[in-house]
Amino acid sequence: MTSVLFVVSEEGYWGEECIEPLTTLDERGADITVATPTGNPPVVDERSVDPESVGEETAERVTEIHESDERLNDPEALAEQDASDYDAVVFPGGHGTAWDINQDRDARRLLREAVAGEDGKALVVCHAAGILAFTRDADGEFLVEGRSVTGFPNEWEEGIVDERDLLPDGRKLPYWVEDEVVAAGADWDAELDADTSVTVDGDLVTARGPESSVAAAETFAAELDL
């Protein structure tokens, strides 16, 4: 059975970006484990369950799964996880990842081990792509250098934060994903003219944002032969 570890934010994950891969891989027989930085349950970004923002159907579905899924309600701690125990690791997005997942040493270790190993794979979605700007390989080089990736673009961020980089909830965004990932040497293309954007570069799969969640889930399932 294919085993998959989901690394989910306690500061606010985006509903679709976690639930779509979770349910898709689940339905195809994957054995899924959820982990968070401290082992406390992840927090869903309130905007991703707001019917006015995402539609009633999506809001209800995400809320139901967030509240009822035992794996999300009783996660394990990242420090206790080893990428070699899994076939793949998934990093759902959400602005919250900027404060915990992307700069968590264990999350970075899991990403490095999954991508650098012979058999592992990783899916990194939306703002979680920021982790690529902080993850180095065994030689000390940026893991993302020279790789083709997509993720949450600056052009979209401009429509969310104000002139002081404050989010609607009042938190100051510490960095913009595109800026940092490009600075780390990535070949960045968010494919702004396309409805969805999912990029496969070897064992690393990246996805742009919420509207790419289904495509990301399907692409990653295919990569895992599910």
C-alpha atoms as a PDB file:
ATOM      1  CA  MET A   1       0.000   0.000   0.000  1.00  0.00           C
ATOM      2  CA  THR A   2       1.272   3.471  -0.890  1.00  0.00           C
ATOM      3  CA  SER A   3       1.960   5.514   2.244  1.00  0.00           C
ATOM      4  CA  VAL A   4       1.688   9.307   2.239  1.00  0.00           C
ATOM      5  CA  LEU A   5       2.520  11.864   4.917  1.00  0.00           C
ATOM      6  CA  PHE A   6       0.599  15.162   4.957  1.00  0.00           C
ATOM      7  CA  VAL A   7       2.483  18.049   6.576  1.00  0.00           C
ATOM      8  CA  VAL A   8      -0.230  20.521   7.602  1.00  0.00           C
ATOM      9  CA  SER A   9      -0.075  23.988   9.101  1.00  0.00           C
ATOM     10  CA  GLU A  10      -1.264  24.877  12.584  1.00  0.00           C
ATOM     11  CA  GLU A  11      -1.331  28.544  11.547  1.00  0.00           C
ATOM     12  CA  GLY A  12      -3.911  28.177   8.776  1.00  0.00           C
ATOM     13  CA  TYR A  13      -4.003  25.720   5.863  1.00  0.00           C
ATOM     14  CA  TRP A  14      -6.147  26.397   2.805  1.00  0.00           C
ATOM     15  CA  GLY A  15      -9.047  23.945   2.795  1.00  0.00           C
ATOM     16  CA  GLU A  16      -9.130  22.735  -0.816  1.00  0.00           C
ATOM     17  CA  GLU A  17      -5.352  22.428  -1.030  1.00  0.00           C
ATOM     18  CA  CYS A  18      -5.354  19.836   1.725  1.00  0.00           C
ATOM     19  CA  ILE A  19      -8.741  18.168   1.337  1.00  0.00           C
ATOM     20  CA  GLU A  20      -8.542  17.488  -2.416  1.00  0.00           C
ATOM     21  CA  PRO A  21      -5.227  15.580  -2.279  1.00  0.00           C
ATOM     22  CA  LEU A  22      -6.273  13.938   1.001  1.00  0.00           C
ATOM     23  CA  THR A  23      -9.568  12.565  -0.316  1.00  0.00           C
ATOM     24  CA  THR A  24      -8.227  11.716  -3.784  1.00  0.00           C
ATOM     25  CA  LEU A  25      -5.296   9.687  -2.456  1.00  0.00           C
ATOM     26  CA  ASP A  26      -7.513   8.173   0.233  1.00  0.00           C
ATOM     27  CA  GLU A  27     -10.073   7.001  -2.312  1.00  0.00           C
ATOM     28  CA  ARG A  28      -7.296   5.373  -4.344  1.00  0.00           C
ATOM     29  CA  GLY A  29      -6.087   3.304  -1.446  1.00  0.00           C
ATOM     30  CA  ALA A  30      -3.211   5.303   0.001  1.00  0.00           C
ATOM     31  CA  ASP A  31      -2.382   4.947   3.690  1.00  0.00           C
ATOM     32  CA  ILE A  32      -2.341   8.545   4.958  1.00  0.00           C
ATOM     33  CA  THR A  33      -0.745  10.033   8.053  1.00  0.00           C
ATOM     34  CA  VAL A  34      -1.145  13.686   9.073  1.00  0.00           C
ATOM     35  CA  ALA A  35       1.548  15.548  10.983  1.00  0.00           C
ATOM     36  CA  THR A  36       1.856  19.111  12.251  1.00  0.00           C
ATOM     37  CA  PRO A  37       4.801  20.985  13.782  1.00  0.00           C
ATOM     38  CA  THR A  38       3.776  20.324  17.406  1.00  0.00           C
ATOM     39  CA  GLY A  39       1.351  17.452  16.969  1.00  0.00           C
ATOM     40  CA  ASN A  40      -1.635  19.690  17.702  1.00  0.00           C
ATOM     41  CA  PRO A  41      -4.563  19.660  15.239  1.00  0.00           C
ATOM     42  CA  PRO A  42      -4.084  21.853  12.162  1.00  0.00           C
ATOM     43  CA  VAL A  43      -6.080  25.053  11.772  1.00  0.00           C
ATOM     44  CA  VAL A  44      -8.067  25.742   8.613  1.00  0.00           C
ATOM     45  CA  ASP A  45      -7.889  29.249   7.124  1.00  0.00           C
ATOM     46  CA  GLU A  46     -11.289  30.804   7.758  1.00  0.00           C
ATOM     47  CA  ARG A  47     -11.348  32.360   4.307  1.00  0.00           C
ATOM     48  CA  SER A  48     -11.151  28.895   2.746  1.00  0.00           C
ATOM     49  CA  VAL A  49     -14.392  27.863   4.438  1.00  0.00           C
ATOM     50  CA  ASP A  50     -16.220  31.131   3.790  1.00  0.00           C
ATOM     51  CA  PRO A  51     -19.179  30.377   1.464  1.00  0.00           C
ATOM     52  CA  GLU A  52     -18.990  33.876  -0.015  1.00  0.00           C
ATOM     53  CA  SER A  53     -15.354  33.301  -0.997  1.00  0.00           C
ATOM     54  CA  VAL A  54     -15.262  29.655  -2.065  1.00  0.00           C
ATOM     55  CA  GLY A  55     -18.930  28.750  -2.574  1.00  0.00           C
ATOM     56  CA  GLU A  56     -21.295  26.885  -0.283  1.00  0.00           C
ATOM     57  CA  GLU A  57     -20.486  23.416  -1.602  1.00  0.00           C
ATOM     58  CA  THR A  58     -16.729  23.757  -1.112  1.00  0.00           C
ATOM     59  CA  ALA A  59     -17.128  25.452   2.270  1.00  0.00           C
ATOM     60  CA  GLU A  60     -19.417  22.705   3.569  1.00  0.00           C
ATOM     61  CA  ARG A  61     -17.247  19.876   2.227  1.00  0.00           C
ATOM     62  CA  VAL A  62     -14.010  21.260   3.638  1.00  0.00           C
ATOM     63  CA  THR A  63     -15.593  22.041   7.002  1.00  0.00           C
ATOM     64  CA  GLU A  64     -17.118  18.565   7.303  1.00  0.00           C
ATOM     65  CA  ILE A  65     -13.851  16.781   6.547  1.00  0.00           C
ATOM     66  CA  HIS A  66     -11.780  19.157   8.681  1.00  0.00           C
ATOM     67  CA  GLU A  67     -14.030  18.484  11.661  1.00  0.00           C
ATOM     68  CA  SER A  68     -14.587  14.741  11.174  1.00  0.00           C
ATOM     69  CA  ASP A  69     -11.375  13.266   9.765  1.00  0.00           C
ATOM     70  CA  GLU A  70      -9.587  11.466  12.599  1.00  0.00           C
ATOM     71  CA  ARG A  71      -6.183  11.996  11.009  1.00  0.00           C
ATOM     72  CA  LEU A  72      -6.648  15.771  10.969  1.00  0.00           C
ATOM     73  CA  ASN A  73      -8.029  15.800  14.490  1.00  0.00           C
ATOM     74  CA  ASP A  74      -5.303  13.639  15.983  1.00  0.00           C
ATOM     75  CA  PRO A  75      -2.099  14.329  14.024  1.00  0.00           C
ATOM     76  CA  GLU A  76       1.428  13.244  14.815  1.00  0.00           C
ATOM     77  CA  ALA A  77       4.387  15.549  15.437  1.00  0.00           C
ATOM     78  CA  LEU A  78       6.766  16.378  12.571  1.00  0.00           C
ATOM     79  CA  ALA A  79       9.876  15.662  14.628  1.00  0.00           C
ATOM     80  CA  GLU A  80       8.778  12.046  14.990  1.00  0.00           C
ATOM     81  CA  GLN A  81       8.449  11.479  11.236  1.00  0.00           C
ATOM     82  CA  ASP A  82      10.962   9.937   8.847  1.00  0.00           C
ATOM     83  CA  ALA A  83      10.515  10.375   5.090  1.00  0.00           C
ATOM     84  CA  SER A  84      11.888   6.876   4.505  1.00  0.00           C
ATOM     85  CA  ASP A  85       8.759   5.499   6.153  1.00  0.00           C
ATOM     86  CA  TYR A  86       6.586   6.992   3.397  1.00  0.00           C
ATOM     87  CA  ASP A  87       6.343   6.828  -0.365  1.00  0.00           C
ATOM     88  CA  ALA A  88       5.435  10.500  -0.586  1.00  0.00           C
ATOM     89  CA  VAL A  89       5.024  13.708   1.401  1.00  0.00           C
ATOM     90  CA  VAL A  90       2.354  16.362   0.735  1.00  0.00           C
ATOM     91  CA  PHE A  91       2.610  20.009   1.799  1.00  0.00           C
ATOM     92  CA  PRO A  92      -0.796  21.761   1.501  1.00  0.00           C
ATOM     93  CA  GLY A  93      -0.697  25.535   1.165  1.00  0.00           C
ATOM     94  CA  GLY A  94      -2.276  28.466   2.925  1.00  0.00           C
ATOM     95  CA  HIS A  95      -0.792  31.707   4.216  1.00  0.00           C
ATOM     96  CA  GLY A  96      -0.302  29.986   7.573  1.00  0.00           C
ATOM     97  CA  THR A  97       2.578  27.947   6.169  1.00  0.00           C
ATOM     98  CA  ALA A  98       4.682  31.121   6.113  1.00  0.00           C
ATOM     99  CA  TRP A  99       4.779  31.059   9.917  1.00  0.00           C
ATOM    100  CA  ASP A 100       5.331  27.395  10.632  1.00  0.00           C
ATOM    101  CA  ILE A 101       5.732  24.741   7.912  1.00  0.00           C
ATOM    102  CA  ASN A 102       7.995  26.630   5.534  1.00  0.00           C
ATOM    103  CA  GLN A 103      10.576  27.429   8.192  1.00  0.00           C
ATOM    104  CA  ASP A 104      10.237  24.295  10.282  1.00  0.00           C
ATOM    105  CA  ARG A 105      13.506  22.327  10.278  1.00  0.00           C
ATOM    106  CA  ASP A 106      11.699  18.981  10.391  1.00  0.00           C
ATOM    107  CA  ALA A 107       9.385  19.934   7.542  1.00  0.00           C
ATOM    108  CA  ARG A 108      12.413  20.954   5.487  1.00  0.00           C
ATOM    109  CA  ARG A 109      14.162  17.714   6.408  1.00  0.00           C
ATOM    110  CA  LEU A 110      11.165  15.677   5.263  1.00  0.00           C
ATOM    111  CA  LEU A 111      11.014  17.546   1.960  1.00  0.00           C
ATOM    112  CA  ARG A 112      14.732  17.127   1.374  1.00  0.00           C
ATOM    113  CA  GLU A 113      14.639  13.417   2.169  1.00  0.00           C
ATOM    114  CA  ALA A 114      11.565  12.806   0.021  1.00  0.00           C
ATOM    115  CA  VAL A 115      12.962  14.551  -3.052  1.00  0.00           C
ATOM    116  CA  ALA A 116      16.571  13.468  -2.666  1.00  0.00           C
ATOM    117  CA  GLY A 117      15.775   9.833  -1.945  1.00  0.00           C
ATOM    118  CA  GLU A 118      15.571   7.183  -4.625  1.00  0.00           C
ATOM    119  CA  ASP A 119      11.892   6.372  -4.138  1.00  0.00           C
ATOM    120  CA  GLY A 120      10.192   9.348  -2.470  1.00  0.00           C
ATOM    121  CA  LYS A 121       8.098  12.113  -4.013  1.00  0.00           C
ATOM    122  CA  ALA A 122       6.706  15.391  -2.753  1.00  0.00           C
ATOM    123  CA  LEU A 123       3.709  17.568  -3.616  1.00  0.00           C
ATOM    124  CA  VAL A 124       4.018  21.218  -2.580  1.00  0.00           C
ATOM    125  CA  VAL A 125       0.982  23.473  -3.035  1.00  0.00           C
ATOM    126  CA  CYS A 126       0.526  27.245  -3.210  1.00  0.00           C
ATOM    127  CA  HIS A 127       2.114  29.165  -0.293  1.00  0.00           C
ATOM    128  CA  ALA A 128       3.787  25.987   0.930  1.00  0.00           C
ATOM    129  CA  ALA A 129       6.121  26.454  -2.044  1.00  0.00           C
ATOM    130  CA  GLY A 130       7.864  28.934   0.228  1.00  0.00           C
ATOM    131  CA  ILE A 131       9.527  25.971   1.905  1.00  0.00           C
ATOM    132  CA  LEU A 132      11.606  25.598  -1.266  1.00  0.00           C
ATOM    133  CA  ALA A 133      13.322  28.877  -0.444  1.00  0.00           C
ATOM    134  CA  PHE A 134      14.587  27.524   2.881  1.00  0.00           C
ATOM    135  CA  THR A 135      15.433  23.899   2.043  1.00  0.00           C
ATOM    136  CA  ARG A 136      18.965  22.875   1.103  1.00  0.00           C
ATOM    137  CA  ASP A 137      20.263  19.559  -0.154  1.00  0.00           C
ATOM    138  CA  ALA A 138      23.008  17.457   1.439  1.00  0.00           C
ATOM    139  CA  ASP A 139      25.654  19.626  -0.240  1.00  0.00           C
ATOM    140  CA  GLY A 140      24.245  22.840   1.168  1.00  0.00           C
ATOM    141  CA  GLU A 141      22.755  23.993  -2.127  1.00  0.00           C
ATOM    142  CA  PHE A 142      19.151  25.106  -2.478  1.00  0.00           C
ATOM    143  CA  LEU A 143      17.006  22.086  -3.255  1.00  0.00           C
ATOM    144  CA  VAL A 144      14.991  24.076  -5.781  1.00  0.00           C
ATOM    145  CA  GLU A 145      17.929  25.505  -7.726  1.00  0.00           C
ATOM    146  CA  GLY A 146      17.414  24.839 -11.438  1.00  0.00           C
ATOM    147  CA  ARG A 147      14.085  23.088 -10.914  1.00  0.00           C
ATOM    148  CA  SER A 148      10.880  24.046 -12.709  1.00  0.00           C
ATOM    149  CA  VAL A 149       8.197  25.009 -10.202  1.00  0.00           C
ATOM    150  CA  THR A 150       4.917  26.847  -9.811  1.00  0.00           C
ATOM    151  CA  GLY A 151       3.329  28.380  -6.728  1.00  0.00           C
ATOM    152  CA  PHE A 152       1.399  31.359  -5.411  1.00  0.00           C
ATOM    153  CA  PRO A 153       2.393  34.327  -7.616  1.00  0.00           C
ATOM    154  CA  ASN A 154       3.211  37.887  -6.621  1.00  0.00           C
ATOM    155  CA  GLU A 155       0.470  39.176  -8.895  1.00  0.00           C
ATOM    156  CA  TRP A 156      -2.128  37.433  -6.765  1.00  0.00           C
ATOM    157  CA  GLU A 157      -0.496  38.391  -3.479  1.00  0.00           C
ATOM    158  CA  GLU A 158      -0.841  42.035  -4.454  1.00  0.00           C
ATOM    159  CA  GLY A 159      -4.606  41.620  -4.401  1.00  0.00           C
ATOM    160  CA  ILE A 160      -4.623  40.209  -0.857  1.00  0.00           C
ATOM    161  CA  VAL A 161      -2.171  42.172   1.287  1.00  0.00           C
ATOM    162  CA  ASP A 162      -2.286  45.931   1.794  1.00  0.00           C
ATOM    163  CA  GLU A 163       0.551  48.414   1.251  1.00  0.00           C
ATOM    164  CA  ARG A 164       2.157  47.282   4.524  1.00  0.00           C
ATOM    165  CA  ASP A 165       1.924  43.583   3.589  1.00  0.00           C
ATOM    166  CA  LEU A 166      -0.853  43.064   6.121  1.00  0.00           C
ATOM    167  CA  LEU A 167      -3.293  40.223   5.469  1.00  0.00           C
ATOM    168  CA  PRO A 168      -7.051  40.637   6.033  1.00  0.00           C
ATOM    169  CA  ASP A 169      -6.622  39.058   9.498  1.00  0.00           C
ATOM    170  CA  GLY A 170      -4.059  41.722  10.454  1.00  0.00           C
ATOM    171  CA  ARG A 171      -0.919  39.561  10.315  1.00  0.00           C
ATOM    172  CA  LYS A 172       2.057  40.899   8.373  1.00  0.00           C
ATOM    173  CA  LEU A 173       3.154  38.515   5.643  1.00  0.00           C
ATOM    174  CA  PRO A 174       6.857  37.879   6.351  1.00  0.00           C
ATOM    175  CA  TYR A 175       7.812  37.200   2.726  1.00  0.00           C
ATOM    176  CA  TRP A 176       6.323  36.670  -0.709  1.00  0.00           C
ATOM    177  CA  VAL A 177       6.651  33.128  -2.012  1.00  0.00           C
ATOM    178  CA  GLU A 178       7.579  33.948  -5.594  1.00  0.00           C
ATOM    179  CA  ASP A 179      10.333  36.376  -4.569  1.00  0.00           C
ATOM    180  CA  GLU A 180      12.003  33.927  -2.222  1.00  0.00           C
ATOM    181  CA  VAL A 181      11.747  30.846  -4.416  1.00  0.00           C
ATOM    182  CA  VAL A 182      13.126  32.709  -7.435  1.00  0.00           C
ATOM    183  CA  ALA A 183      15.980  34.027  -5.283  1.00  0.00           C
ATOM    184  CA  ALA A 184      16.781  30.409  -4.366  1.00  0.00           C
ATOM    185  CA  GLY A 185      17.366  29.662  -8.045  1.00  0.00           C
ATOM    186  CA  ALA A 186      14.102  28.118  -9.188  1.00  0.00           C
ATOM    187  CA  ASP A 187      12.778  28.260 -12.733  1.00  0.00           C
ATOM    188  CA  TRP A 188       9.451  29.825 -11.742  1.00  0.00           C
ATOM    189  CA  ASP A 189       6.364  29.877 -13.955  1.00  0.00           C
ATOM    190  CA  ALA A 190       2.938  30.280 -12.343  1.00  0.00           C
ATOM    191  CA  GLU A 191       1.263  30.082 -15.778  1.00  0.00           C
ATOM    192  CA  LEU A 192      -1.013  33.030 -15.070  1.00  0.00           C
ATOM    193  CA  ASP A 193      -2.827  32.648 -18.392  1.00  0.00           C
ATOM    194  CA  ALA A 194      -3.898  29.076 -17.519  1.00  0.00           C
ATOM    195  CA  ASP A 195      -6.862  28.031 -15.381  1.00  0.00           C
ATOM    196  CA  THR A 196      -4.671  25.645 -13.423  1.00  0.00           C
ATOM    197  CA  SER A 197      -0.944  25.235 -12.946  1.00  0.00           C
ATOM    198  CA  VAL A 198       0.778  22.026 -11.854  1.00  0.00           C
ATOM    199  CA  THR A 199       4.463  21.379 -12.582  1.00  0.00           C
ATOM    200  CA  VAL A 200       6.301  18.072 -12.367  1.00  0.00           C
ATOM    201  CA  ASP A 201      10.091  18.147 -12.114  1.00  0.00           C
ATOM    202  CA  GLY A 202      11.427  14.729 -11.206  1.00  0.00           C
ATOM    203  CA  ASP A 203      10.245  13.764  -7.729  1.00  0.00           C
ATOM    204  CA  LEU A 204       8.960  17.285  -7.015  1.00  0.00           C
ATOM    205  CA  VAL A 205       5.402  18.269  -7.953  1.00  0.00           C
ATOM    206  CA  THR A 206       4.230  21.837  -7.333  1.00  0.00           C
ATOM    207  CA  ALA A 207       0.818  23.466  -7.727  1.00  0.00           C
ATOM    208  CA  ARG A 208      -0.154  27.134  -7.961  1.00  0.00           C
ATOM    209  CA  GLY A 209      -3.181  27.626  -5.723  1.00  0.00           C
ATOM    210  CA  PRO A 210      -6.719  26.634  -4.716  1.00  0.00           C
ATOM    211  CA  GLU A 211      -8.102  26.276  -8.247  1.00  0.00           C
ATOM    212  CA  SER A 212      -5.270  23.846  -9.037  1.00  0.00           C
ATOM    213  CA  SER A 213      -6.065  21.577  -6.093  1.00  0.00           C
ATOM    214  CA  VAL A 214      -7.975  18.963  -8.085  1.00  0.00           C
ATOM    215  CA  ALA A 215      -5.388  18.914 -10.869  1.00  0.00           C
ATOM    216  CA  ALA A 216      -2.614  18.648  -8.283  1.00  0.00           C
ATOM    217  CA  ALA A 217      -4.330  15.719  -6.598  1.00  0.00           C
ATOM    218  CA  GLU A 218      -4.888  13.898  -9.891  1.00  0.00           C
ATOM    219  CA  THR A 219      -1.350  14.566 -11.111  1.00  0.00           C
ATOM    220  CA  PHE A 220       0.220  13.408  -7.878  1.00  0.00           C
ATOM    221  CA  ALA A 221      -1.941  10.280  -7.782  1.00  0.00           C
ATOM    222  CA  ALA A 222      -0.729   9.459 -11.289  1.00  0.00           C
ATOM    223  CA  GLU A 223       2.883  10.029 -10.232  1.00  0.00           C
ATOM    224  CA  LEU A 224       2.315   7.500  -7.441  1.00  0.00           C
ATOM    225  CA  ASP A 225       0.638   5.066  -9.864  1.00  0.00           C
ATOM    226  CA  LEU A 226      -2.616   5.212  -7.926  1.00  0.00           C
END
